[in-house]
Amino acid sequence: MQKTGVIRGKITDSSGEALPGVLLSSLGEEYMLEMDAVSGETGEYRIENLIPDTYRLVATLEGFKSVGINNVVVRQGKDTVENIIMHLEQVE
């Protein structure tokens, strides 16, 4: 049986358009395991081989506000789905 889990999902902008090239960082609360991924052309991402834990997920892309999601629970042998909507940064 697989001893790790996955966080996956799709990243879009506020109009629903896919956002490729978004850096996703995950940090486990208990084991402090950090793993990264980058969204593909369709905005989809997948962070694999995560030890079961509760993670903080952060999405960053130049020109957009960073998005942080707390309490992302990864379970052994399961996929956790977190779809993310990013908004443009306001230019001042």
C-alpha atoms as a PDB file:
ATOM      1  CA  MET A   1       0.000   0.000   0.000  1.00  0.00           C
ATOM      2  CA  GLN A   2       1.202   3.483  -0.847  1.00  0.00           C
ATOM      3  CA  LYS A   3       2.445   5.313   2.261  1.00  0.00           C
ATOM      4  CA  THR A   4       2.264   8.809   0.772  1.00  0.00           C
ATOM      5  CA  GLY A   5      -0.450  11.088  -0.597  1.00  0.00           C
ATOM      6  CA  VAL A   6      -0.935  13.750  -3.241  1.00  0.00           C
ATOM      7  CA  ILE A   7      -2.154  17.349  -3.393  1.00  0.00           C
ATOM      8  CA  ARG A   8      -3.496  18.225  -6.831  1.00  0.00           C
ATOM      9  CA  GLY A   9      -5.827  20.707  -8.463  1.00  0.00           C
ATOM     10  CA  LYS A  10      -6.242  23.429 -11.050  1.00  0.00           C
ATOM     11  CA  ILE A  11      -5.251  27.083 -10.848  1.00  0.00           C
ATOM     12  CA  THR A  12      -7.263  29.736 -12.643  1.00  0.00           C
ATOM     13  CA  ASP A  13      -7.563  33.501 -12.651  1.00  0.00           C
ATOM     14  CA  SER A  14     -10.742  35.283 -11.552  1.00  0.00           C
ATOM     15  CA  SER A  15     -12.244  34.904 -15.063  1.00  0.00           C
ATOM     16  CA  GLY A  16     -11.722  31.116 -15.048  1.00  0.00           C
ATOM     17  CA  GLU A  17      -8.723  31.073 -17.408  1.00  0.00           C
ATOM     18  CA  ALA A  18      -6.039  28.479 -16.622  1.00  0.00           C
ATOM     19  CA  LEU A  19      -2.789  29.825 -15.143  1.00  0.00           C
ATOM     20  CA  PRO A  20       0.347  27.925 -16.206  1.00  0.00           C
ATOM     21  CA  GLY A  21       3.679  28.508 -14.476  1.00  0.00           C
ATOM     22  CA  VAL A  22       2.330  29.003 -10.948  1.00  0.00           C
ATOM     23  CA  LEU A  23       4.775  27.867  -8.247  1.00  0.00           C
ATOM     24  CA  LEU A  24       3.083  25.737  -5.581  1.00  0.00           C
ATOM     25  CA  SER A  25       4.889  25.194  -2.290  1.00  0.00           C
ATOM     26  CA  SER A  26       3.648  22.826   0.386  1.00  0.00           C
ATOM     27  CA  LEU A  27       4.957  22.723   3.944  1.00  0.00           C
ATOM     28  CA  GLY A  28       3.915  20.027   6.418  1.00  0.00           C
ATOM     29  CA  GLU A  29       3.086  21.188   9.935  1.00  0.00           C
ATOM     30  CA  GLU A  30       4.351  18.149  11.855  1.00  0.00           C
ATOM     31  CA  TYR A  31       7.232  16.808   9.765  1.00  0.00           C
ATOM     32  CA  MET A  32       8.158  20.134   8.086  1.00  0.00           C
ATOM     33  CA  LEU A  33       8.411  18.374   4.704  1.00  0.00           C
ATOM     34  CA  GLU A  34       8.559  20.946   1.910  1.00  0.00           C
ATOM     35  CA  MET A  35       7.725  20.023  -1.688  1.00  0.00           C
ATOM     36  CA  ASP A  36       7.196  22.236  -4.749  1.00  0.00           C
ATOM     37  CA  ALA A  37       5.486  21.923  -8.119  1.00  0.00           C
ATOM     38  CA  VAL A  38       4.659  24.185 -11.070  1.00  0.00           C
ATOM     39  CA  SER A  39       1.282  24.271 -12.812  1.00  0.00           C
ATOM     40  CA  GLY A  40       1.225  23.093 -16.430  1.00  0.00           C
ATOM     41  CA  GLU A  41      -0.332  24.599 -19.559  1.00  0.00           C
ATOM     42  CA  THR A  42      -3.861  23.679 -18.409  1.00  0.00           C
ATOM     43  CA  GLY A  43      -3.287  25.190 -14.942  1.00  0.00           C
ATOM     44  CA  GLU A  44      -3.193  21.747 -13.349  1.00  0.00           C
ATOM     45  CA  TYR A  45      -0.638  20.841 -10.711  1.00  0.00           C
ATOM     46  CA  ARG A  46       0.291  17.746  -8.724  1.00  0.00           C
ATOM     47  CA  ILE A  47       2.527  17.485  -5.645  1.00  0.00           C
ATOM     48  CA  GLU A  48       3.353  13.821  -5.051  1.00  0.00           C
ATOM     49  CA  ASN A  49       5.068  11.688  -2.405  1.00  0.00           C
ATOM     50  CA  LEU A  50       3.770  13.714   0.541  1.00  0.00           C
ATOM     51  CA  ILE A  51       3.930  12.123   3.981  1.00  0.00           C
ATOM     52  CA  PRO A  52       0.469  12.113   5.598  1.00  0.00           C
ATOM     53  CA  ASP A  53       0.299  15.403   7.500  1.00  0.00           C
ATOM     54  CA  THR A  54      -1.487  18.764   7.507  1.00  0.00           C
ATOM     55  CA  TYR A  55       0.092  21.157   5.019  1.00  0.00           C
ATOM     56  CA  ARG A  56       0.135  24.858   4.198  1.00  0.00           C
ATOM     57  CA  LEU A  57      -0.090  25.394   0.449  1.00  0.00           C
ATOM     58  CA  VAL A  58       1.119  28.634  -1.168  1.00  0.00           C
ATOM     59  CA  ALA A  59       0.634  29.588  -4.836  1.00  0.00           C
ATOM     60  CA  THR A  60       2.730  32.389  -6.364  1.00  0.00           C
ATOM     61  CA  LEU A  61       2.909  33.913  -9.845  1.00  0.00           C
ATOM     62  CA  GLU A  62       4.347  37.276 -10.849  1.00  0.00           C
ATOM     63  CA  GLY A  63       1.591  39.859 -11.336  1.00  0.00           C
ATOM     64  CA  PHE A  64      -0.856  37.973  -9.111  1.00  0.00           C
ATOM     65  CA  LYS A  65      -1.557  38.070  -5.377  1.00  0.00           C
ATOM     66  CA  SER A  66      -0.093  35.049  -3.575  1.00  0.00           C
ATOM     67  CA  VAL A  67      -2.662  32.599  -2.241  1.00  0.00           C
ATOM     68  CA  GLY A  68      -2.126  30.679   0.991  1.00  0.00           C
ATOM     69  CA  ILE A  69      -4.305  27.764   2.072  1.00  0.00           C
ATOM     70  CA  ASN A  70      -3.966  26.323   5.567  1.00  0.00           C
ATOM     71  CA  ASN A  71      -5.057  22.945   6.922  1.00  0.00           C
ATOM     72  CA  VAL A  72      -4.680  20.929   3.713  1.00  0.00           C
ATOM     73  CA  VAL A  73      -4.885  17.355   4.998  1.00  0.00           C
ATOM     74  CA  VAL A  74      -2.971  14.641   3.123  1.00  0.00           C
ATOM     75  CA  ARG A  75      -3.933  11.027   3.805  1.00  0.00           C
ATOM     76  CA  GLN A  76      -2.050   7.879   2.890  1.00  0.00           C
ATOM     77  CA  GLY A  77      -2.868   6.631  -0.616  1.00  0.00           C
ATOM     78  CA  LYS A  78      -5.333   9.478  -1.314  1.00  0.00           C
ATOM     79  CA  ASP A  79      -5.470  12.558  -3.538  1.00  0.00           C
ATOM     80  CA  THR A  80      -6.389  15.838  -1.848  1.00  0.00           C
ATOM     81  CA  VAL A  81      -7.887  18.285  -4.356  1.00  0.00           C
ATOM     82  CA  GLU A  82      -7.313  22.028  -3.889  1.00  0.00           C
ATOM     83  CA  ASN A  83      -8.429  24.205  -6.801  1.00  0.00           C
ATOM     84  CA  ILE A  84      -7.104  27.761  -6.535  1.00  0.00           C
ATOM     85  CA  ILE A  85      -8.329  31.087  -7.941  1.00  0.00           C
ATOM     86  CA  MET A  86      -5.689  33.819  -8.185  1.00  0.00           C
ATOM     87  CA  HIS A  87      -6.377  37.547  -8.547  1.00  0.00           C
ATOM     88  CA  LEU A  88      -4.265  40.174 -10.292  1.00  0.00           C
ATOM     89  CA  GLU A  89      -2.198  42.467  -8.069  1.00  0.00           C
ATOM     90  CA  GLN A  90      -3.420  46.025  -7.959  1.00  0.00           C
ATOM     91  CA  VAL A  91      -0.998  48.444  -9.605  1.00  0.00           C
ATOM     92  CA  GLU A  92      -0.600  51.685  -7.676  1.00  0.00           C
END
